[in-house]
Amino acid sequence: MQYRPTASELLATLAELLEDTLLPALPPSLQHQARVGANLARIVQREVELRAESAKRESDVLAALPEGDERAEWEALVAVVRGDLAIAKPGYDEWEAE
């Protein structure tokens, strides 16, 4: 059993603290660092929340891959990258252009 707050909740709180409380109080020369810290906390939060499901989906996609089917290989690669993007840069995982 996971005790509260969870790692994900702690990371969300850290990101909010950096962005909502500290950022406005910092001099302009340090505000970028606070934004970067908040972004990193959110990336790790998504990693904690989504990694197991993403890794399972990636494993399933690769295990079902027919040998020598280049189109299927490409689609598997796209699926793997979309899973990574959902964690690292949400929104980019939905891009459809080629």
Protein backbone atom coordinates (compact mmCIF):
# COMPACT_ATOMS: atom_id res chain seq x y z
CA MET A 1 0.00 0.00 0.00
CA GLN A 2 1.28 3.45 -0.94
CA TYR A 3 1.07 6.00 1.84
CA ARG A 4 -0.16 9.50 1.09
CA PRO A 5 1.07 11.69 -0.32
CA THR A 6 2.22 9.58 -3.24
CA ALA A 7 5.39 10.33 -5.18
CA SER A 8 3.22 11.71 -7.98
CA GLU A 9 1.37 14.02 -5.57
CA LEU A 10 4.65 15.23 -4.07
CA LEU A 11 6.05 16.04 -7.50
CA ALA A 12 2.87 17.90 -8.48
CA THR A 13 3.09 19.93 -5.27
CA LEU A 14 6.75 20.70 -5.93
CA ALA A 15 5.94 21.90 -9.46
CA GLU A 16 3.13 24.10 -8.14
CA LEU A 17 5.38 25.54 -5.42
CA LEU A 18 8.08 26.42 -7.95
CA GLU A 19 5.69 27.87 -10.51
CA ASP A 20 3.00 29.53 -8.41
CA THR A 21 4.83 30.60 -5.26
CA LEU A 22 8.54 30.95 -5.91
CA LEU A 23 8.57 32.06 -9.56
CA PRO A 24 6.74 35.36 -8.97
CA ALA A 25 8.98 36.13 -5.98
CA LEU A 26 12.24 35.49 -7.81
CA PRO A 27 14.24 38.10 -9.68
CA PRO A 28 13.97 37.81 -13.48
CA SER A 29 17.47 36.33 -13.67
CA LEU A 30 16.30 33.24 -11.71
CA GLN A 31 12.77 32.78 -13.05
CA HIS A 32 13.88 30.56 -15.92
CA GLN A 33 15.51 28.13 -13.47
CA ALA A 34 12.26 27.92 -11.48
CA ARG A 35 10.31 27.18 -14.68
CA VAL A 36 12.81 24.48 -15.64
CA GLY A 37 12.56 22.94 -12.16
CA ALA A 38 8.75 22.92 -12.34
CA ASN A 39 8.87 21.34 -15.79
CA LEU A 40 11.30 18.66 -14.62
CA ALA A 41 9.08 17.84 -11.65
CA ARG A 42 6.09 17.45 -13.99
CA ILE A 43 8.07 15.19 -16.36
CA VAL A 44 9.09 12.94 -13.47
CA GLN A 45 5.49 13.01 -12.19
CA ARG A 46 4.24 11.76 -15.57
CA GLU A 47 7.04 9.17 -15.60
CA VAL A 48 5.86 7.87 -12.21
CA GLU A 49 2.22 7.82 -13.35
CA LEU A 50 2.60 6.51 -16.91
CA ARG A 51 5.83 4.51 -17.20
CA ALA A 52 4.50 1.08 -16.21
CA GLU A 53 1.54 1.30 -18.60
CA SER A 54 3.76 2.71 -21.36
CA ALA A 55 6.39 -0.01 -20.90
CA LYS A 56 3.70 -2.72 -21.01
CA ARG A 57 2.18 -1.24 -24.17
CA GLU A 58 5.65 -1.00 -25.76
CA SER A 59 6.43 -4.61 -24.86
CA ASP A 60 3.10 -5.81 -26.28
CA VAL A 61 3.58 -3.85 -29.52
CA LEU A 62 7.09 -5.21 -30.03
CA ALA A 63 6.12 -8.78 -29.14
CA ALA A 64 3.31 -8.74 -31.72
CA LEU A 65 5.52 -7.33 -34.46
CA PRO A 66 5.56 -9.54 -37.56
CA GLU A 67 9.07 -10.24 -38.81
CA GLY A 68 10.08 -8.38 -41.96
CA ASP A 69 6.99 -6.16 -42.18
CA GLU A 70 8.49 -2.69 -42.59
CA ARG A 71 5.14 -0.90 -42.27
CA ALA A 72 4.40 -2.73 -39.02
CA GLU A 73 7.92 -1.90 -37.79
CA TRP A 74 7.32 1.78 -38.56
CA GLU A 75 3.96 1.75 -36.78
CA ALA A 76 5.55 0.05 -33.76
CA LEU A 77 8.29 2.68 -33.67
CA VAL A 78 5.69 5.45 -33.85
CA ALA A 79 3.73 3.83 -30.99
CA VAL A 80 6.87 3.60 -28.84
CA VAL A 81 7.82 7.22 -29.51
CA ARG A 82 4.25 8.40 -28.81
CA GLY A 83 4.43 6.69 -25.41
CA ASP A 84 7.70 8.45 -24.64
CA LEU A 85 6.33 11.81 -25.83
CA ALA A 86 3.22 11.44 -23.67
CA ILE A 87 5.62 11.54 -20.72
CA ALA A 88 8.23 14.02 -21.92
CA LYS A 89 6.13 16.47 -23.96
CA PRO A 90 2.35 15.90 -23.71
CA GLY A 91 0.46 17.04 -26.78
CA TYR A 92 3.28 16.13 -29.14
CA ASP A 93 2.24 12.49 -28.87
CA GLU A 94 -0.91 13.31 -30.85
CA TRP A 95 0.87 14.81 -33.88
CA GLU A 96 -0.33 13.23 -37.12
CA ALA A 97 1.70 14.91 -39.91
CA GLU A 98 4.37 12.96 -41.75
